[in-house]
Amino acid sequence: MATKLDKELIRESTVKYDDREIVMTLSTDQEIKFKLKGMKSGEVKISIEALYKQLIGFKEVNDDEEVTPIEPKVNKSLSIVNEEKVDKKRLLIDLDDLRSLNVVTAMDLQTKIKFDGIIVELIENEKEKRKILKK
């Protein structure tokens, strides 16, 4: 006997794409969502009904009772392009997290202020860089 899908079910696949596992979510809104592990963006989803219809080759019935096959969707492969090649051994730190930790760190006030200024400048530079890359 099956359990109703009344809460999200998340599973990590052993299948890898771009050296990352694929995370699958069966959601309460009856969709299957896929994303690469460790990525916040790049999620793709399909309703369970639409996926089932594609798999069985369901045919739609028009208002004038004419049966026509569903147009297959174009398979698009998901590709995530990193602007820079990041060495996996290198530790990356979120600048906002670093700034928060700087506030609560025990060091003299002048050093904190100077370090905070450096972090703020890095954040602003990153925002400018992203604006330029979007254009």
Protein backbone atom coordinates (compact mmCIF):
# COMPACT_ATOMS: atom_id res chain seq x y z
CA MET A 1 0.00 0.00 0.00
CA ALA A 2 1.39 3.39 -1.02
CA THR A 3 1.66 6.48 1.17
CA LYS A 4 -0.07 9.69 0.05
CA LEU A 5 2.26 12.47 -1.11
CA ASP A 6 1.36 14.99 1.58
CA LYS A 7 4.89 16.18 2.39
CA GLU A 8 8.01 16.69 0.32
CA LEU A 9 10.18 13.67 -0.26
CA ILE A 10 13.81 14.46 -1.14
CA ARG A 11 16.30 11.89 -2.35
CA GLU A 12 19.86 12.09 -3.66
CA SER A 13 20.67 10.03 -6.72
CA THR A 14 23.84 8.05 -7.25
CA VAL A 15 23.75 9.29 -10.85
CA LYS A 16 26.11 12.22 -11.44
CA TYR A 17 25.89 15.08 -13.93
CA ASP A 18 28.82 17.53 -14.19
CA ASP A 19 30.44 15.70 -11.25
CA ARG A 20 27.42 16.46 -9.00
CA GLU A 21 24.71 14.12 -7.76
CA ILE A 22 21.16 14.83 -8.88
CA VAL A 23 18.73 15.68 -6.06
CA MET A 24 15.09 14.73 -6.71
CA THR A 25 12.12 16.14 -4.84
CA LEU A 26 8.60 14.77 -4.96
CA SER A 27 6.64 17.85 -3.90
CA THR A 28 3.22 18.23 -2.30
CA ASP A 29 2.05 20.17 -5.37
CA GLN A 30 2.47 16.89 -7.31
CA GLU A 31 5.65 17.81 -9.17
CA ILE A 32 9.01 16.13 -9.58
CA LYS A 33 11.88 18.58 -9.21
CA PHE A 34 15.49 17.96 -10.14
CA LYS A 35 18.59 19.99 -9.27
CA LEU A 36 22.28 19.38 -8.92
CA LYS A 37 23.54 18.84 -5.39
CA GLY A 38 25.06 21.98 -3.91
CA MET A 39 23.42 24.33 -6.39
CA LYS A 40 20.79 26.87 -5.39
CA SER A 41 19.70 27.55 -8.96
CA GLY A 42 19.11 25.41 -12.01
CA GLU A 43 16.08 23.50 -10.72
CA VAL A 44 13.92 21.86 -13.38
CA LYS A 45 10.47 20.43 -12.68
CA ILE A 46 7.57 18.64 -14.31
CA SER A 47 4.14 17.72 -12.99
CA ILE A 48 3.64 14.05 -12.21
CA GLU A 49 0.62 13.98 -14.53
CA ALA A 50 2.54 15.49 -17.48
CA LEU A 51 5.43 13.07 -16.97
CA TYR A 52 3.09 10.08 -16.81
CA LYS A 53 1.30 11.18 -19.99
CA GLN A 54 4.62 11.54 -21.80
CA LEU A 55 5.78 8.09 -20.71
CA ILE A 56 2.62 6.30 -21.83
CA GLY A 57 2.30 8.28 -25.08
CA PHE A 58 -1.08 9.77 -24.09
CA LYS A 59 -3.09 11.34 -26.89
CA GLU A 60 -5.10 14.54 -26.34
CA VAL A 61 -8.72 14.94 -27.44
CA ASN A 62 -9.62 18.35 -28.93
CA ASP A 63 -13.03 20.05 -28.48
CA ASP A 64 -14.16 18.71 -31.87
CA GLU A 65 -13.38 15.14 -30.71
CA GLU A 66 -10.31 14.91 -32.89
CA VAL A 67 -7.54 12.80 -31.35
CA THR A 68 -4.05 14.20 -31.80
CA PRO A 69 -0.79 13.03 -30.27
CA ILE A 70 0.90 15.28 -27.77
CA GLU A 71 3.84 17.18 -29.21
CA PRO A 72 6.96 15.86 -27.54
CA LYS A 73 8.84 18.51 -25.61
CA VAL A 74 12.32 19.26 -26.80
CA ASN A 75 14.80 17.69 -24.45
CA LYS A 76 17.08 20.39 -23.17
CA SER A 77 20.13 19.39 -21.25
CA LEU A 78 20.86 21.43 -18.17
CA SER A 79 24.23 23.07 -18.30
CA ILE A 80 25.68 25.20 -15.55
CA VAL A 81 28.54 27.36 -16.65
CA ASN A 82 30.92 28.62 -14.02
CA GLU A 83 32.62 31.90 -14.89
CA GLU A 84 35.81 30.78 -13.21
CA LYS A 85 37.22 27.31 -12.80
CA VAL A 86 37.31 26.77 -9.04
CA ASP A 87 39.83 24.43 -7.50
CA LYS A 88 37.85 22.03 -5.29
CA LYS A 89 40.60 22.13 -2.65
CA ARG A 90 40.17 25.89 -2.27
CA LEU A 91 37.92 27.04 0.57
CA LEU A 92 35.27 29.59 -0.42
CA ILE A 93 33.72 31.93 2.15
CA ASP A 94 30.52 33.92 1.69
CA LEU A 95 31.37 37.62 2.19
CA ASP A 96 28.17 38.31 4.12
CA ASP A 97 29.01 35.46 6.52
CA LEU A 98 32.56 36.78 6.90
CA ARG A 99 31.22 40.25 7.66
CA SER A 100 28.86 38.86 10.32
CA LEU A 101 31.67 36.92 11.97
CA ASN A 102 33.87 40.02 11.94
CA VAL A 103 31.32 41.87 14.08
CA VAL A 104 31.39 39.30 16.88
CA THR A 105 35.12 38.55 16.78
CA ALA A 106 37.23 39.68 19.71
CA MET A 107 39.68 42.24 18.26
CA ASP A 108 40.26 45.94 18.72
CA LEU A 109 37.71 48.32 17.23
CA GLN A 110 40.08 50.00 14.74
CA THR A 111 41.05 46.65 13.21
CA LYS A 112 37.38 45.59 13.03
CA ILE A 113 36.48 48.81 11.23
CA LYS A 114 39.32 48.48 8.72
CA PHE A 115 38.52 44.82 8.05
CA ASP A 116 34.80 45.60 7.68
CA GLY A 117 35.67 48.30 5.15
CA ILE A 118 37.63 45.79 3.09
CA ILE A 119 34.74 43.32 3.17
CA VAL A 120 32.20 46.00 2.18
CA GLU A 121 34.42 47.02 -0.73
CA LEU A 122 34.65 43.39 -1.90
CA ILE A 123 30.86 43.03 -1.71
CA GLU A 124 30.32 46.22 -3.72
CA ASN A 125 32.88 45.14 -6.33
CA GLU A 126 31.13 41.78 -6.68
CA LYS A 127 27.74 43.50 -7.15
CA GLU A 128 29.21 45.75 -9.86
CA LYS A 129 30.82 42.77 -11.56
CA ARG A 130 27.49 40.92 -11.64
CA LYS A 131 25.68 43.97 -13.07
CA ILE A 132 28.25 44.24 -15.87
CA LEU A 133 28.06 40.50 -16.65
CA LYS A 134 24.24 40.62 -16.90
CA LYS A 135 24.38 43.29 -19.65
